[in-house]
Amino acid sequence: LALIKREQEGGRLVAMTGDGTNDAPALAQ
């Protein structure tokens, strides 16, 4: 989640995959 936010703060669009409940916050971000 922190990595995605850092990338987005730099003006970049981020894509990722996930399958678990613990991936949900990052998938939503």
PDB file of all heavy atoms in Angstrom:
ATOM      1  N   LEU A   1       0.831  -1.199   0.000  1.00  0.00           N
ATOM      2  CA  LEU A   1       0.000   0.000   0.000  1.00  0.00           C
ATOM      3  C   LEU A   1       0.870   1.255   0.000  1.00  0.00           C
ATOM      4  O   LEU A   1       0.610   2.211  -0.728  1.00  0.00           O
ATOM      5  CB  LEU A   1      -0.929  -0.015   1.209  1.00  0.00           C
ATOM      6  CG  LEU A   1      -1.965   1.111   1.304  1.00  0.00           C
ATOM      7  CD1 LEU A   1      -2.888   1.080   0.094  1.00  0.00           C
ATOM      8  CD2 LEU A   1      -2.764   0.976   2.596  1.00  0.00           C
ATOM      9  N   ALA A   2       1.926   1.243   0.820  1.00  0.00           N
ATOM     10  CA  ALA A   2       2.816   2.405   0.898  1.00  0.00           C
ATOM     11  C   ALA A   2       3.529   2.635  -0.433  1.00  0.00           C
ATOM     12  O   ALA A   2       3.697   3.786  -0.867  1.00  0.00           O
ATOM     13  CB  ALA A   2       3.836   2.193   2.016  1.00  0.00           C
ATOM     14  N   LEU A   3       3.931   1.546  -1.088  1.00  0.00           N
ATOM     15  CA  LEU A   3       4.608   1.673  -2.385  1.00  0.00           C
ATOM     16  C   LEU A   3       3.679   2.295  -3.419  1.00  0.00           C
ATOM     17  O   LEU A   3       4.075   3.193  -4.174  1.00  0.00           O
ATOM     18  CB  LEU A   3       5.080   0.297  -2.855  1.00  0.00           C
ATOM     19  CG  LEU A   3       5.638   0.218  -4.284  1.00  0.00           C
ATOM     20  CD1 LEU A   3       6.833   1.144  -4.446  1.00  0.00           C
ATOM     21  CD2 LEU A   3       6.025  -1.214  -4.628  1.00  0.00           C
ATOM     22  N   ILE A   4       2.428   1.843  -3.461  1.00  0.00           N
ATOM     23  CA  ILE A   4       1.471   2.390  -4.422  1.00  0.00           C
ATOM     24  C   ILE A   4       1.268   3.880  -4.179  1.00  0.00           C
ATOM     25  O   ILE A   4       1.250   4.692  -5.118  1.00  0.00           O
ATOM     26  CB  ILE A   4       0.131   1.633  -4.329  1.00  0.00           C
ATOM     27  CG1 ILE A   4       0.305   0.189  -4.812  1.00  0.00           C
ATOM     28  CG2 ILE A   4      -0.945   2.329  -5.157  1.00  0.00           C
ATOM     29  CD1 ILE A   4      -0.910  -0.684  -4.588  1.00  0.00           C
ATOM     30  N   LYS A   5       1.124   4.265  -2.915  1.00  0.00           N
ATOM     31  CA  LYS A   5       0.906   5.674  -2.600  1.00  0.00           C
ATOM     32  C   LYS A   5       2.113   6.525  -3.003  1.00  0.00           C
ATOM     33  O   LYS A   5       1.958   7.642  -3.509  1.00  0.00           O
ATOM     34  CB  LYS A   5       0.619   5.841  -1.110  1.00  0.00           C
ATOM     35  CG  LYS A   5      -0.763   5.321  -0.697  1.00  0.00           C
ATOM     36  CD  LYS A   5      -1.013   5.519   0.792  1.00  0.00           C
ATOM     37  CE  LYS A   5      -2.418   5.071   1.176  1.00  0.00           C
ATOM     38  NZ  LYS A   5      -2.682   5.236   2.629  1.00  0.00           N
ATOM     39  N   ARG A   6       3.323   6.002  -2.781  1.00  0.00           N
ATOM     40  CA  ARG A   6       4.526   6.754  -3.169  1.00  0.00           C
ATOM     41  C   ARG A   6       4.561   6.969  -4.682  1.00  0.00           C
ATOM     42  O   ARG A   6       4.909   8.050  -5.160  1.00  0.00           O
ATOM     43  CB  ARG A   6       5.791   6.019  -2.717  1.00  0.00           C
ATOM     44  CG  ARG A   6       6.082   6.095  -1.247  1.00  0.00           C
ATOM     45  CD  ARG A   6       7.547   5.794  -0.952  1.00  0.00           C
ATOM     46  NE  ARG A   6       7.959   4.494  -1.461  1.00  0.00           N
ATOM     47  CZ  ARG A   6       7.850   3.363  -0.778  1.00  0.00           C
ATOM     48  NH1 ARG A   6       7.315   3.377   0.439  1.00  0.00           N
ATOM     49  NH2 ARG A   6       8.264   2.232  -1.295  1.00  0.00           N
ATOM     50  N   GLU A   7       4.224   5.921  -5.432  1.00  0.00           N
ATOM     51  CA  GLU A   7       4.223   6.041  -6.890  1.00  0.00           C
ATOM     52  C   GLU A   7       3.184   7.059  -7.337  1.00  0.00           C
ATOM     53  O   GLU A   7       3.446   7.882  -8.227  1.00  0.00           O
ATOM     54  CB  GLU A   7       3.933   4.668  -7.522  1.00  0.00           C
ATOM     55  CG  GLU A   7       5.024   3.630  -7.320  1.00  0.00           C
ATOM     56  CD  GLU A   7       6.274   3.961  -8.102  1.00  0.00           C
ATOM     57  OE1 GLU A   7       6.161   4.322  -9.283  1.00  0.00           O
ATOM     58  OE2 GLU A   7       7.377   3.876  -7.527  1.00  0.00           O
ATOM     59  N   GLN A   8       2.012   7.012  -6.745  1.00  0.00           N
ATOM     60  CA  GLN A   8       0.944   7.925  -7.141  1.00  0.00           C
ATOM     61  C   GLN A   8       1.257   9.362  -6.764  1.00  0.00           C
ATOM     62  O   GLN A   8       0.898  10.295  -7.486  1.00  0.00           O
ATOM     63  CB  GLN A   8      -0.380   7.482  -6.517  1.00  0.00           C
ATOM     64  CG  GLN A   8      -0.918   6.181  -7.113  1.00  0.00           C
ATOM     65  CD  GLN A   8      -2.114   5.635  -6.370  1.00  0.00           C
ATOM     66  OE1 GLN A   8      -2.276   5.880  -5.163  1.00  0.00           O
ATOM     67  NE2 GLN A   8      -2.948   4.873  -7.048  1.00  0.00           N
ATOM     68  N   GLU A   9       1.929   9.555  -5.634  1.00  0.00           N
ATOM     69  CA  GLU A   9       2.330  10.901  -5.238  1.00  0.00           C
ATOM     70  C   GLU A   9       3.318  11.497  -6.234  1.00  0.00           C
ATOM     71  O   GLU A   9       3.418  12.716  -6.365  1.00  0.00           O
ATOM     72  CB  GLU A   9       2.938  10.871  -3.834  1.00  0.00           C
ATOM     73  CG  GLU A   9       1.896  10.661  -2.729  1.00  0.00           C
ATOM     74  CD  GLU A   9       2.533  10.364  -1.381  1.00  0.00           C
ATOM     75  OE1 GLU A   9       3.796  10.337  -1.318  1.00  0.00           O
ATOM     76  OE2 GLU A   9       1.795  10.141  -0.410  1.00  0.00           O
ATOM     77  N   GLY A  10       4.019  10.618  -6.947  1.00  0.00           N
ATOM     78  CA  GLY A  10       4.946  11.083  -7.976  1.00  0.00           C
ATOM     79  C   GLY A  10       4.269  11.306  -9.316  1.00  0.00           C
ATOM     80  O   GLY A  10       4.948  11.519 -10.326  1.00  0.00           O
ATOM     81  N   GLY A  11       2.940  11.214  -9.343  1.00  0.00           N
ATOM     82  CA  GLY A  11       2.190  11.479 -10.570  1.00  0.00           C
ATOM     83  C   GLY A  11       2.073  10.287 -11.492  1.00  0.00           C
ATOM     84  O   GLY A  11       1.718  10.444 -12.667  1.00  0.00           O
ATOM     85  N   ARG A  12       2.346   9.079 -10.978  1.00  0.00           N
ATOM     86  CA  ARG A  12       2.284   7.887 -11.823  1.00  0.00           C
ATOM     87  C   ARG A  12       1.015   7.083 -11.544  1.00  0.00           C
ATOM     88  O   ARG A  12       0.511   7.073 -10.420  1.00  0.00           O
ATOM     89  CB  ARG A  12       3.520   7.013 -11.598  1.00  0.00           C
ATOM     90  CG  ARG A  12       4.803   7.646 -12.097  1.00  0.00           C
ATOM     91  CD  ARG A  12       6.009   6.775 -11.815  1.00  0.00           C
ATOM     92  NE  ARG A  12       6.391   6.841 -10.413  1.00  0.00           N
ATOM     93  CZ  ARG A  12       7.232   7.729  -9.897  1.00  0.00           C
ATOM     94  NH1 ARG A  12       7.759   8.650 -10.686  1.00  0.00           N
ATOM     95  NH2 ARG A  12       7.530   7.724  -8.621  1.00  0.00           N
ATOM     96  N   LEU A  13       0.526   6.390 -12.585  1.00  0.00           N
ATOM     97  CA  LEU A  13      -0.604   5.480 -12.442  1.00  0.00           C
ATOM     98  C   LEU A  13      -0.070   4.074 -12.192  1.00  0.00           C
ATOM     99  O   LEU A  13       0.893   3.643 -12.831  1.00  0.00           O
ATOM    100  CB  LEU A  13      -1.480   5.484 -13.695  1.00  0.00           C
ATOM    101  CG  LEU A  13      -2.192   6.797 -14.034  1.00  0.00           C
ATOM    102  CD1 LEU A  13      -3.100   6.607 -15.242  1.00  0.00           C
ATOM    103  CD2 LEU A  13      -3.002   7.298 -12.861  1.00  0.00           C
ATOM    104  N   VAL A  14      -0.700   3.358 -11.274  1.00  0.00           N
ATOM    105  CA  VAL A  14      -0.184   2.074 -10.817  1.00  0.00           C
ATOM    106  C   VAL A  14      -1.206   0.971 -11.082  1.00  0.00           C
ATOM    107  O   VAL A  14      -2.402   1.150 -10.866  1.00  0.00           O
ATOM    108  CB  VAL A  14       0.141   2.117  -9.306  1.00  0.00           C
ATOM    109  CG1 VAL A  14       0.709   0.786  -8.830  1.00  0.00           C
ATOM    110  CG2 VAL A  14       1.120   3.248  -9.007  1.00  0.00           C
ATOM    111  N   ALA A  15      -0.709  -0.183 -11.534  1.00  0.00           N
ATOM    112  CA  ALA A  15      -1.547  -1.371 -11.714  1.00  0.00           C
ATOM    113  C   ALA A  15      -0.964  -2.515 -10.908  1.00  0.00           C
ATOM    114  O   ALA A  15       0.264  -2.642 -10.781  1.00  0.00           O
ATOM    115  CB  ALA A  15      -1.626  -1.758 -13.185  1.00  0.00           C
ATOM    116  N   MET A  16      -1.837  -3.353 -10.337  1.00  0.00           N
ATOM    117  CA  MET A  16      -1.358  -4.516  -9.588  1.00  0.00           C
ATOM    118  C   MET A  16      -2.428  -5.597  -9.594  1.00  0.00           C
ATOM    119  O   MET A  16      -3.587  -5.355  -9.941  1.00  0.00           O
ATOM    120  CB  MET A  16      -1.003  -4.144  -8.147  1.00  0.00           C
ATOM    121  CG  MET A  16      -2.198  -3.874  -7.249  1.00  0.00           C
ATOM    122  SD  MET A  16      -1.785  -3.992  -5.491  1.00  0.00           S
ATOM    123  CE  MET A  16      -1.571  -5.760  -5.286  1.00  0.00           C
ATOM    124  N   THR A  17      -2.018  -6.809  -9.229  1.00  0.00           N
ATOM    125  CA  THR A  17      -2.954  -7.922  -9.087  1.00  0.00           C
ATOM    126  C   THR A  17      -2.944  -8.396  -7.634  1.00  0.00           C
ATOM    127  O   THR A  17      -1.997  -8.142  -6.889  1.00  0.00           O
ATOM    128  CB  THR A  17      -2.562  -9.110  -9.984  1.00  0.00           C
ATOM    129  OG1 THR A  17      -1.261  -9.581  -9.595  1.00  0.00           O
ATOM    130  CG2 THR A  17      -2.544  -8.715 -11.435  1.00  0.00           C
ATOM    131  N   GLY A  18      -4.009  -9.115  -7.251  1.00  0.00           N
ATOM    132  CA  GLY A  18      -4.078  -9.667  -5.906  1.00  0.00           C
ATOM    133  C   GLY A  18      -5.242 -10.630  -5.794  1.00  0.00           C
ATOM    134  O   GLY A  18      -6.159 -10.625  -6.626  1.00  0.00           O
ATOM    135  N   ASP A  19      -5.215 -11.470  -4.767  1.00  0.00           N
ATOM    136  CA  ASP A  19      -6.310 -12.433  -4.601  1.00  0.00           C
ATOM    137  C   ASP A  19      -6.775 -12.584  -3.156  1.00  0.00           C
ATOM    138  O   ASP A  19      -7.829 -13.163  -2.903  1.00  0.00           O
ATOM    139  CB  ASP A  19      -5.924 -13.801  -5.155  1.00  0.00           C
ATOM    140  CG  ASP A  19      -4.684 -14.379  -4.470  1.00  0.00           C
ATOM    141  OD1 ASP A  19      -4.145 -13.726  -3.546  1.00  0.00           O
ATOM    142  OD2 ASP A  19      -4.259 -15.482  -4.856  1.00  0.00           O
ATOM    143  N   GLY A  20      -6.007 -12.075  -2.218  1.00  0.00           N
ATOM    144  CA  GLY A  20      -6.342 -12.287  -0.812  1.00  0.00           C
ATOM    145  C   GLY A  20      -6.980 -11.072  -0.164  1.00  0.00           C
ATOM    146  O   GLY A  20      -6.930  -9.956  -0.682  1.00  0.00           O
ATOM    147  N   THR A  21      -7.569 -11.314   0.998  1.00  0.00           N
ATOM    148  CA  THR A  21      -8.158 -10.212   1.765  1.00  0.00           C
ATOM    149  C   THR A  21      -7.103  -9.174   2.111  1.00  0.00           C
ATOM    150  O   THR A  21      -7.367  -7.968   2.128  1.00  0.00           O
ATOM    151  CB  THR A  21      -8.806 -10.765   3.041  1.00  0.00           C
ATOM    152  OG1 THR A  21      -9.820 -11.706   2.676  1.00  0.00           O
ATOM    153  CG2 THR A  21      -9.434  -9.652   3.864  1.00  0.00           C
ATOM    154  N   ASN A  22      -5.863  -9.654   2.371  1.00  0.00           N
ATOM    155  CA  ASN A  22      -4.798  -8.706   2.717  1.00  0.00           C
ATOM    156  C   ASN A  22      -4.342  -7.873   1.519  1.00  0.00           C
ATOM    157  O   ASN A  22      -3.618  -6.896   1.677  1.00  0.00           O
ATOM    158  CB  ASN A  22      -3.600  -9.437   3.340  1.00  0.00           C
ATOM    159  CG  ASN A  22      -2.985 -10.461   2.399  1.00  0.00           C
ATOM    160  OD1 ASN A  22      -3.499 -10.697   1.309  1.00  0.00           O
ATOM    161  ND2 ASN A  22      -1.913 -11.078   2.824  1.00  0.00           N
ATOM    162  N   ASP A  23      -4.769  -8.263   0.297  1.00  0.00           N
ATOM    163  CA  ASP A  23      -4.451  -7.463  -0.891  1.00  0.00           C
ATOM    164  C   ASP A  23      -5.492  -6.382  -1.144  1.00  0.00           C
ATOM    165  O   ASP A  23      -5.279  -5.498  -1.978  1.00  0.00           O
ATOM    166  CB  ASP A  23      -4.377  -8.367  -2.132  1.00  0.00           C
ATOM    167  CG  ASP A  23      -3.164  -9.280  -2.127  1.00  0.00           C
ATOM    168  OD1 ASP A  23      -2.106  -8.837  -1.651  1.00  0.00           O
ATOM    169  OD2 ASP A  23      -3.285 -10.433  -2.577  1.00  0.00           O
ATOM    170  N   ALA A  24      -6.643  -6.465  -0.474  1.00  0.00           N
ATOM    171  CA  ALA A  24      -7.758  -5.569  -0.762  1.00  0.00           C
ATOM    172  C   ALA A  24      -7.391  -4.084  -0.641  1.00  0.00           C
ATOM    173  O   ALA A  24      -7.739  -3.293  -1.529  1.00  0.00           O
ATOM    174  CB  ALA A  24      -8.951  -5.904   0.121  1.00  0.00           C
ATOM    175  N   PRO A  25      -6.697  -3.650   0.424  1.00  0.00           N
ATOM    176  CA  PRO A  25      -6.357  -2.220   0.508  1.00  0.00           C
ATOM    177  C   PRO A  25      -5.519  -1.740  -0.671  1.00  0.00           C
ATOM    178  O   PRO A  25      -5.764  -0.652  -1.212  1.00  0.00           O
ATOM    179  CB  PRO A  25      -5.586  -2.116   1.830  1.00  0.00           C
ATOM    180  CG  PRO A  25      -6.048  -3.294   2.633  1.00  0.00           C
ATOM    181  CD  PRO A  25      -6.267  -4.379   1.643  1.00  0.00           C
ATOM    182  N   ALA A  26      -4.533  -2.548  -1.078  1.00  0.00           N
ATOM    183  CA  ALA A  26      -3.675  -2.157  -2.195  1.00  0.00           C
ATOM    184  C   ALA A  26      -4.449  -2.174  -3.510  1.00  0.00           C
ATOM    185  O   ALA A  26      -4.267  -1.297  -4.361  1.00  0.00           O
ATOM    186  CB  ALA A  26      -2.465  -3.090  -2.280  1.00  0.00           C
ATOM    187  N   LEU A  27      -5.332  -3.163  -3.699  1.00  0.00           N
ATOM    188  CA  LEU A  27      -6.147  -3.225  -4.917  1.00  0.00           C
ATOM    189  C   LEU A  27      -7.055  -2.007  -5.019  1.00  0.00           C
ATOM    190  O   LEU A  27      -7.260  -1.456  -6.109  1.00  0.00           O
ATOM    191  CB  LEU A  27      -6.990  -4.503  -4.929  1.00  0.00           C
ATOM    192  CG  LEU A  27      -6.261  -5.811  -5.224  1.00  0.00           C
ATOM    193  CD1 LEU A  27      -7.181  -7.000  -4.979  1.00  0.00           C
ATOM    194  CD2 LEU A  27      -5.747  -5.828  -6.662  1.00  0.00           C
ATOM    195  N   ALA A  28      -7.619  -1.597  -3.895  1.00  0.00           N
ATOM    196  CA  ALA A  28      -8.493  -0.429  -3.890  1.00  0.00           C
ATOM    197  C   ALA A  28      -7.711   0.852  -4.167  1.00  0.00           C
ATOM    198  O   ALA A  28      -8.218   1.776  -4.806  1.00  0.00           O
ATOM    199  CB  ALA A  28      -9.215  -0.326  -2.550  1.00  0.00           C
ATOM    200  N   GLN A  29      -6.466   0.924  -3.709  1.00  0.00           N
ATOM    201  CA  GLN A  29      -5.653   2.120  -3.892  1.00  0.00           C
ATOM    202  C   GLN A  29      -5.099   2.219  -5.307  1.00  0.00           C
ATOM    203  O   GLN A  29      -4.942   3.316  -5.846  1.00  0.00           O
ATOM    204  CB  GLN A  29      -4.492   2.105  -2.886  1.00  0.00           C
ATOM    205  CG  GLN A  29      -3.575   3.311  -2.959  1.00  0.00           C
ATOM    206  CD  GLN A  29      -4.261   4.598  -2.517  1.00  0.00           C
ATOM    207  OE1 GLN A  29      -5.094   4.582  -1.615  1.00  0.00           O
ATOM    208  NE2 GLN A  29      -3.927   5.708  -3.153  1.00  0.00           N
TER     209      GLN A  29
END
